[in-house]
Amino acid sequence: MNVKVLGSGCANCQRLAANVQLALEHAGMTAEVEKVEDVAAIMGYGVTATPALVVDERVLVSGRVPSPTQIAALLRGV
């Protein structure tokens, strides 16, 4: 599983990245987690609001920071 956190590196982007790590730990899952800060790359996903969560090249969340529990549920559904 490939997980990308899209954003400029702002506080919300950092919080989303931390929540992703917590979600993976609590769910007992492993994934390659990548932070994408390049604006052109972010726009390539069609994302207009950051932070955004992309799993296996699908945008699952944009413009908000879901909790670790919500992220774990999203990851299990992929």
PDB file of N, CA and C in Angstrom:
ATOM      1  N   MET A   1       0.855  -1.172   0.000  1.00  0.00           N
ATOM      2  CA  MET A   1       0.000   0.000   0.000  1.00  0.00           C
ATOM      3  C   MET A   1       0.901   1.235   0.000  1.00  0.00           C
ATOM      4  N   ASN A   2       0.553   2.191  -0.825  1.00  0.00           N
ATOM      5  CA  ASN A   2       1.283   3.444  -0.913  1.00  0.00           C
ATOM      6  C   ASN A   2       0.374   4.569  -0.427  1.00  0.00           C
ATOM      7  N   VAL A   3       0.835   5.313   0.570  1.00  0.00           N
ATOM      8  CA  VAL A   3       0.059   6.407   1.151  1.00  0.00           C
ATOM      9  C   VAL A   3       0.836   7.697   0.940  1.00  0.00           C
ATOM     10  N   LYS A   4       0.150   8.716   0.435  1.00  0.00           N
ATOM     11  CA  LYS A   4       0.763  10.020   0.234  1.00  0.00           C
ATOM     12  C   LYS A   4      -0.017  11.077   1.002  1.00  0.00           C
ATOM     13  N   VAL A   5       0.721  11.944   1.670  1.00  0.00           N
ATOM     14  CA  VAL A   5       0.136  13.104   2.344  1.00  0.00           C
ATOM     15  C   VAL A   5       0.510  14.309   1.492  1.00  0.00           C
ATOM     16  N   LEU A   6      -0.494  14.952   0.910  1.00  0.00           N
ATOM     17  CA  LEU A   6      -0.265  16.099   0.046  1.00  0.00           C
ATOM     18  C   LEU A   6      -0.450  17.385   0.836  1.00  0.00           C
ATOM     19  N   GLY A   7       0.519  18.286   0.725  1.00  0.00           N
ATOM     20  CA  GLY A   7       0.395  19.566   1.390  1.00  0.00           C
ATOM     21  C   GLY A   7       1.713  20.300   1.439  1.00  0.00           C
ATOM     22  N   SER A   8       1.652  21.546   1.825  1.00  0.00           N
ATOM     23  CA  SER A   8       2.816  22.425   1.808  1.00  0.00           C
ATOM     24  C   SER A   8       3.760  22.226   2.983  1.00  0.00           C
ATOM     25  N   GLY A   9       3.373  21.408   3.930  1.00  0.00           N
ATOM     26  CA  GLY A   9       4.176  21.245   5.138  1.00  0.00           C
ATOM     27  C   GLY A   9       3.635  22.049   6.300  1.00  0.00           C
ATOM     28  N   CYS A  10       2.425  22.582   6.152  1.00  0.00           N
ATOM     29  CA  CYS A  10       1.783  23.375   7.200  1.00  0.00           C
ATOM     30  C   CYS A  10       1.453  22.501   8.412  1.00  0.00           C
ATOM     31  N   ALA A  11       0.967  23.111   9.457  1.00  0.00           N
ATOM     32  CA  ALA A  11       0.642  22.383  10.688  1.00  0.00           C
ATOM     33  C   ALA A  11      -0.391  21.295  10.438  1.00  0.00           C
ATOM     34  N   ASN A  12      -1.419  21.574   9.645  1.00  0.00           N
ATOM     35  CA  ASN A  12      -2.437  20.556   9.360  1.00  0.00           C
ATOM     36  C   ASN A  12      -1.856  19.402   8.548  1.00  0.00           C
ATOM     37  N   CYS A  13      -0.943  19.707   7.640  1.00  0.00           N
ATOM     38  CA  CYS A  13      -0.301  18.666   6.837  1.00  0.00           C
ATOM     39  C   CYS A  13       0.544  17.762   7.735  1.00  0.00           C
ATOM     40  N   GLN A  14       1.252  18.362   8.660  1.00  0.00           N
ATOM     41  CA  GLN A  14       2.067  17.597   9.600  1.00  0.00           C
ATOM     42  C   GLN A  14       1.185  16.754  10.517  1.00  0.00           C
ATOM     43  N   ARG A  15       0.057  17.306  10.916  1.00  0.00           N
ATOM     44  CA  ARG A  15      -0.869  16.563  11.779  1.00  0.00           C
ATOM     45  C   ARG A  15      -1.467  15.379  11.028  1.00  0.00           C
ATOM     46  N   LEU A  16      -1.788  15.564   9.741  1.00  0.00           N
ATOM     47  CA  LEU A  16      -2.310  14.450   8.946  1.00  0.00           C
ATOM     48  C   LEU A  16      -1.259  13.357   8.824  1.00  0.00           C
ATOM     49  N   ALA A  17      -0.015  13.724   8.575  1.00  0.00           N
ATOM     50  CA  ALA A  17       1.060  12.731   8.462  1.00  0.00           C
ATOM     51  C   ALA A  17       1.209  11.958   9.775  1.00  0.00           C
ATOM     52  N   ALA A  18       1.141  12.648  10.901  1.00  0.00           N
ATOM     53  CA  ALA A  18       1.239  11.986  12.205  1.00  0.00           C
ATOM     54  C   ALA A  18       0.047  11.060  12.430  1.00  0.00           C
ATOM     55  N   ASN A  19      -1.147  11.507  12.057  1.00  0.00           N
ATOM     56  CA  ASN A  19      -2.342  10.676  12.210  1.00  0.00           C
ATOM     57  C   ASN A  19      -2.277   9.424  11.337  1.00  0.00           C
ATOM     58  N   VAL A  20      -1.678   9.549  10.157  1.00  0.00           N
ATOM     59  CA  VAL A  20      -1.513   8.379   9.282  1.00  0.00           C
ATOM     60  C   VAL A  20      -0.621   7.353   9.974  1.00  0.00           C
ATOM     61  N   GLN A  21       0.480   7.812  10.549  1.00  0.00           N
ATOM     62  CA  GLN A  21       1.387   6.891  11.244  1.00  0.00           C
ATOM     63  C   GLN A  21       0.681   6.206  12.415  1.00  0.00           C
ATOM     64  N   LEU A  22      -0.073   6.972  13.189  1.00  0.00           N
ATOM     65  CA  LEU A  22      -0.821   6.391  14.308  1.00  0.00           C
ATOM     66  C   LEU A  22      -1.846   5.372  13.820  1.00  0.00           C
ATOM     67  N   ALA A  23      -2.541   5.697  12.745  1.00  0.00           N
ATOM     68  CA  ALA A  23      -3.551   4.792  12.193  1.00  0.00           C
ATOM     69  C   ALA A  23      -2.918   3.484  11.752  1.00  0.00           C
ATOM     70  N   LEU A  24      -1.786   3.556  11.093  1.00  0.00           N
ATOM     71  CA  LEU A  24      -1.097   2.347  10.642  1.00  0.00           C
ATOM     72  C   LEU A  24      -0.662   1.492  11.828  1.00  0.00           C
ATOM     73  N   GLU A  25      -0.111   2.136  12.855  1.00  0.00           N
ATOM     74  CA  GLU A  25       0.319   1.414  14.050  1.00  0.00           C
ATOM     75  C   GLU A  25      -0.847   0.734  14.738  1.00  0.00           C
ATOM     76  N   HIS A  26      -1.939   1.464  14.952  1.00  0.00           N
ATOM     77  CA  HIS A  26      -3.097   0.915  15.661  1.00  0.00           C
ATOM     78  C   HIS A  26      -3.778  -0.196  14.868  1.00  0.00           C
ATOM     79  N   ALA A  27      -3.744  -0.094  13.542  1.00  0.00           N
ATOM     80  CA  ALA A  27      -4.388  -1.106  12.705  1.00  0.00           C
ATOM     81  C   ALA A  27      -3.458  -2.284  12.418  1.00  0.00           C
ATOM     82  N   GLY A  28      -2.198  -2.159  12.825  1.00  0.00           N
ATOM     83  CA  GLY A  28      -1.240  -3.227  12.563  1.00  0.00           C
ATOM     84  C   GLY A  28      -0.931  -3.378  11.080  1.00  0.00           C
ATOM     85  N   MET A  29      -0.970  -2.281  10.361  1.00  0.00           N
ATOM     86  CA  MET A  29      -0.743  -2.298   8.921  1.00  0.00           C
ATOM     87  C   MET A  29       0.607  -1.657   8.610  1.00  0.00           C
ATOM     88  N   THR A  30       1.135  -2.017   7.449  1.00  0.00           N
ATOM     89  CA  THR A  30       2.354  -1.366   6.972  1.00  0.00           C
ATOM     90  C   THR A  30       2.059  -0.713   5.639  1.00  0.00           C
ATOM     91  N   ALA A  31       2.740   0.385   5.390  1.00  0.00           N
ATOM     92  CA  ALA A  31       2.557   1.098   4.134  1.00  0.00           C
ATOM     93  C   ALA A  31       3.758   1.989   3.901  1.00  0.00           C
ATOM     94  N   GLU A  32       3.990   2.284   2.659  1.00  0.00           N
ATOM     95  CA  GLU A  32       5.002   3.263   2.301  1.00  0.00           C
ATOM     96  C   GLU A  32       4.314   4.625   2.380  1.00  0.00           C
ATOM     97  N   VAL A  33       4.807   5.499   3.259  1.00  0.00           N
ATOM     98  CA  VAL A  33       4.195   6.820   3.447  1.00  0.00           C
ATOM     99  C   VAL A  33       5.127   7.870   2.867  1.00  0.00           C
ATOM    100  N   GLU A  34       4.570   8.705   2.023  1.00  0.00           N
ATOM    101  CA  GLU A  34       5.349   9.738   1.340  1.00  0.00           C
ATOM    102  C   GLU A  34       4.670  11.094   1.538  1.00  0.00           C
ATOM    103  N   LYS A  35       5.463  12.121   1.802  1.00  0.00           N
ATOM    104  CA  LYS A  35       4.943  13.481   1.881  1.00  0.00           C
ATOM    105  C   LYS A  35       5.216  14.159   0.544  1.00  0.00           C
ATOM    106  N   VAL A  36       4.189  14.732  -0.045  1.00  0.00           N
ATOM    107  CA  VAL A  36       4.314  15.416  -1.327  1.00  0.00           C
ATOM    108  C   VAL A  36       4.044  16.895  -1.093  1.00  0.00           C
ATOM    109  N   GLU A  37       5.069  17.714  -1.300  1.00  0.00           N
ATOM    110  CA  GLU A  37       4.942  19.152  -1.066  1.00  0.00           C
ATOM    111  C   GLU A  37       5.021  19.961  -2.353  1.00  0.00           C
ATOM    112  N   ASP A  38       5.332  19.329  -3.463  1.00  0.00           N
ATOM    113  CA  ASP A  38       5.438  20.021  -4.745  1.00  0.00           C
ATOM    114  C   ASP A  38       4.044  20.406  -5.248  1.00  0.00           C
ATOM    115  N   VAL A  39       3.843  21.694  -5.464  1.00  0.00           N
ATOM    116  CA  VAL A  39       2.521  22.207  -5.848  1.00  0.00           C
ATOM    117  C   VAL A  39       2.041  21.582  -7.157  1.00  0.00           C
ATOM    118  N   ALA A  40       2.911  21.434  -8.127  1.00  0.00           N
ATOM    119  CA  ALA A  40       2.519  20.853  -9.413  1.00  0.00           C
ATOM    120  C   ALA A  40       2.070  19.404  -9.233  1.00  0.00           C
ATOM    121  N   ALA A  41       2.780  18.660  -8.402  1.00  0.00           N
ATOM    122  CA  ALA A  41       2.408  17.268  -8.147  1.00  0.00           C
ATOM    123  C   ALA A  41       1.058  17.192  -7.428  1.00  0.00           C
ATOM    124  N   ILE A  42       0.838  18.097  -6.480  1.00  0.00           N
ATOM    125  CA  ILE A  42      -0.436  18.130  -5.750  1.00  0.00           C
ATOM    126  C   ILE A  42      -1.578  18.441  -6.715  1.00  0.00           C
ATOM    127  N   MET A  43      -1.375  19.427  -7.571  1.00  0.00           N
ATOM    128  CA  MET A  43      -2.406  19.795  -8.543  1.00  0.00           C
ATOM    129  C   MET A  43      -2.685  18.653  -9.517  1.00  0.00           C
ATOM    130  N   GLY A  44      -1.691  17.816  -9.765  1.00  0.00           N
ATOM    131  CA  GLY A  44      -1.866  16.670 -10.639  1.00  0.00           C
ATOM    132  C   GLY A  44      -2.905  15.678 -10.126  1.00  0.00           C
ATOM    133  N   TYR A  45      -3.159  15.710  -8.838  1.00  0.00           N
ATOM    134  CA  TYR A  45      -4.191  14.846  -8.245  1.00  0.00           C
ATOM    135  C   TYR A  45      -5.566  15.504  -8.276  1.00  0.00           C
ATOM    136  N   GLY A  46      -5.631  16.737  -8.757  1.00  0.00           N
ATOM    137  CA  GLY A  46      -6.906  17.446  -8.796  1.00  0.00           C
ATOM    138  C   GLY A  46      -7.319  17.996  -7.446  1.00  0.00           C
ATOM    139  N   VAL A  47      -6.383  18.062  -6.526  1.00  0.00           N
ATOM    140  CA  VAL A  47      -6.661  18.533  -5.174  1.00  0.00           C
ATOM    141  C   VAL A  47      -6.579  20.058  -5.151  1.00  0.00           C
ATOM    142  N   THR A  48      -7.626  20.687  -4.636  1.00  0.00           N
ATOM    143  CA  THR A  48      -7.626  22.148  -4.534  1.00  0.00           C
ATOM    144  C   THR A  48      -7.499  22.618  -3.089  1.00  0.00           C
ATOM    145  N   ALA A  49      -7.681  21.711  -2.140  1.00  0.00           N
ATOM    146  CA  ALA A  49      -7.559  22.060  -0.720  1.00  0.00           C
ATOM    147  C   ALA A  49      -6.673  21.017  -0.041  1.00  0.00           C
ATOM    148  N   THR A  50      -5.689  21.507   0.689  1.00  0.00           N
ATOM    149  CA  THR A  50      -4.815  20.603   1.422  1.00  0.00           C
ATOM    150  C   THR A  50      -5.059  20.763   2.911  1.00  0.00           C
ATOM    151  N   PRO A  51      -4.692  19.787   3.701  1.00  0.00           N
ATOM    152  CA  PRO A  51      -3.976  18.588   3.329  1.00  0.00           C
ATOM    153  C   PRO A  51      -4.893  17.594   2.633  1.00  0.00           C
ATOM    154  N   ALA A  52      -4.262  16.639   1.962  1.00  0.00           N
ATOM    155  CA  ALA A  52      -5.028  15.594   1.291  1.00  0.00           C
ATOM    156  C   ALA A  52      -4.344  14.260   1.539  1.00  0.00           C
ATOM    157  N   LEU A  53      -5.146  13.212   1.528  1.00  0.00           N
ATOM    158  CA  LEU A  53      -4.658  11.853   1.737  1.00  0.00           C
ATOM    159  C   LEU A  53      -4.921  11.048   0.479  1.00  0.00           C
ATOM    160  N   VAL A  54      -3.855  10.484  -0.080  1.00  0.00           N
ATOM    161  CA  VAL A  54      -3.946   9.675  -1.292  1.00  0.00           C
ATOM    162  C   VAL A  54      -3.468   8.270  -0.953  1.00  0.00           C
ATOM    163  N   VAL A  55      -4.280   7.275  -1.271  1.00  0.00           N
ATOM    164  CA  VAL A  55      -3.907   5.878  -1.030  1.00  0.00           C
ATOM    165  C   VAL A  55      -3.980   5.144  -2.349  1.00  0.00           C
ATOM    166  N   ASP A  56      -2.862   4.542  -2.715  1.00  0.00           N
ATOM    167  CA  ASP A  56      -2.762   3.808  -3.983  1.00  0.00           C
ATOM    168  C   ASP A  56      -3.303   4.642  -5.145  1.00  0.00           C
ATOM    169  N   GLU A  57      -2.864   5.910  -5.169  1.00  0.00           N
ATOM    170  CA  GLU A  57      -3.181   6.874  -6.230  1.00  0.00           C
ATOM    171  C   GLU A  57      -4.647   7.318  -6.270  1.00  0.00           C
ATOM    172  N   ARG A  58      -5.417   7.045  -5.206  1.00  0.00           N
ATOM    173  CA  ARG A  58      -6.803   7.526  -5.101  1.00  0.00           C
ATOM    174  C   ARG A  58      -6.885   8.564  -3.989  1.00  0.00           C
ATOM    175  N   VAL A  59      -7.439   9.728  -4.293  1.00  0.00           N
ATOM    176  CA  VAL A  59      -7.628  10.771  -3.273  1.00  0.00           C
ATOM    177  C   VAL A  59      -8.806  10.346  -2.399  1.00  0.00           C
ATOM    178  N   LEU A  60      -8.524  10.141  -1.110  1.00  0.00           N
ATOM    179  CA  LEU A  60      -9.581   9.722  -0.186  1.00  0.00           C
ATOM    180  C   LEU A  60     -10.100  10.869   0.668  1.00  0.00           C
ATOM    181  N   VAL A  61      -9.232  11.830   0.975  1.00  0.00           N
ATOM    182  CA  VAL A  61      -9.609  12.954   1.834  1.00  0.00           C
ATOM    183  C   VAL A  61      -8.909  14.201   1.313  1.00  0.00           C
ATOM    184  N   SER A  62      -9.616  15.324   1.333  1.00  0.00           N
ATOM    185  CA  SER A  62      -9.017  16.584   0.913  1.00  0.00           C
ATOM    186  C   SER A  62      -9.593  17.721   1.748  1.00  0.00           C
ATOM    187  N   GLY A  63      -8.714  18.602   2.213  1.00  0.00           N
ATOM    188  CA  GLY A  63      -9.155  19.800   2.909  1.00  0.00           C
ATOM    189  C   GLY A  63      -9.491  19.640   4.374  1.00  0.00           C
ATOM    190  N   ARG A  64      -9.144  18.499   4.958  1.00  0.00           N
ATOM    191  CA  ARG A  64      -9.407  18.306   6.386  1.00  0.00           C
ATOM    192  C   ARG A  64      -8.426  17.282   6.955  1.00  0.00           C
ATOM    193  N   VAL A  65      -8.393  17.176   8.268  1.00  0.00           N
ATOM    194  CA  VAL A  65      -7.503  16.243   8.949  1.00  0.00           C
ATOM    195  C   VAL A  65      -8.355  15.210   9.684  1.00  0.00           C
ATOM    196  N   PRO A  66      -8.524  14.028   9.099  1.00  0.00           N
ATOM    197  CA  PRO A  66      -9.294  12.997   9.791  1.00  0.00           C
ATOM    198  C   PRO A  66      -8.506  12.433  10.981  1.00  0.00           C
ATOM    199  N   SER A  67      -9.232  11.878  11.924  1.00  0.00           N
ATOM    200  CA  SER A  67      -8.604  11.279  13.103  1.00  0.00           C
ATOM    201  C   SER A  67      -7.893   9.981  12.705  1.00  0.00           C
ATOM    202  N   PRO A  68      -6.996   9.494  13.561  1.00  0.00           N
ATOM    203  CA  PRO A  68      -6.349   8.209  13.276  1.00  0.00           C
ATOM    204  C   PRO A  68      -7.372   7.082  13.099  1.00  0.00           C
ATOM    205  N   THR A  69      -8.442   7.096  13.874  1.00  0.00           N
ATOM    206  CA  THR A  69      -9.485   6.071  13.748  1.00  0.00           C
ATOM    207  C   THR A  69     -10.164   6.143  12.383  1.00  0.00           C
ATOM    208  N   GLN A  70     -10.471   7.346  11.922  1.00  0.00           N
ATOM    209  CA  GLN A  70     -11.091   7.506  10.607  1.00  0.00           C
ATOM    210  C   GLN A  70     -10.136   7.069   9.492  1.00  0.00           C
ATOM    211  N   ILE A  71      -8.866   7.400   9.645  1.00  0.00           N
ATOM    212  CA  ILE A  71      -7.884   7.006   8.631  1.00  0.00           C
ATOM    213  C   ILE A  71      -7.751   5.488   8.582  1.00  0.00           C
ATOM    214  N   ALA A  72      -7.695   4.847   9.751  1.00  0.00           N
ATOM    215  CA  ALA A  72      -7.589   3.384   9.794  1.00  0.00           C
ATOM    216  C   ALA A  72      -8.773   2.746   9.066  1.00  0.00           C
ATOM    217  N   ALA A  73      -9.966   3.280   9.273  1.00  0.00           N
ATOM    218  CA  ALA A  73     -11.156   2.744   8.611  1.00  0.00           C
ATOM    219  C   ALA A  73     -11.034   2.920   7.092  1.00  0.00           C
ATOM    220  N   LEU A  74     -10.532   4.068   6.654  1.00  0.00           N
ATOM    221  CA  LEU A  74     -10.338   4.292   5.221  1.00  0.00           C
ATOM    222  C   LEU A  74      -9.324   3.316   4.641  1.00  0.00           C
ATOM    223  N   LEU A  75      -8.232   3.095   5.376  1.00  0.00           N
ATOM    224  CA  LEU A  75      -7.193   2.187   4.896  1.00  0.00           C
ATOM    225  C   LEU A  75      -7.681   0.747   4.820  1.00  0.00           C
ATOM    226  N   ARG A  76      -8.503   0.350   5.776  1.00  0.00           N
ATOM    227  CA  ARG A  76      -9.050  -1.023   5.727  1.00  0.00           C
ATOM    228  C   ARG A  76      -9.993  -1.208   4.547  1.00  0.00           C
ATOM    229  N   GLY A  77     -10.646  -0.122   4.119  1.00  0.00           N
ATOM    230  CA  GLY A  77     -11.587  -0.206   3.021  1.00  0.00           C
ATOM    231  C   GLY A  77     -10.936  -0.188   1.646  1.00  0.00           C
ATOM    232  N   VAL A  78      -9.645   0.045   1.607  1.00  0.00           N
ATOM    233  CA  VAL A  78      -8.956   0.122   0.311  1.00  0.00           C
ATOM    234  C   VAL A  78      -8.607  -1.260  -0.179  1.00  0.00           C
TER     235      VAL A  78
END
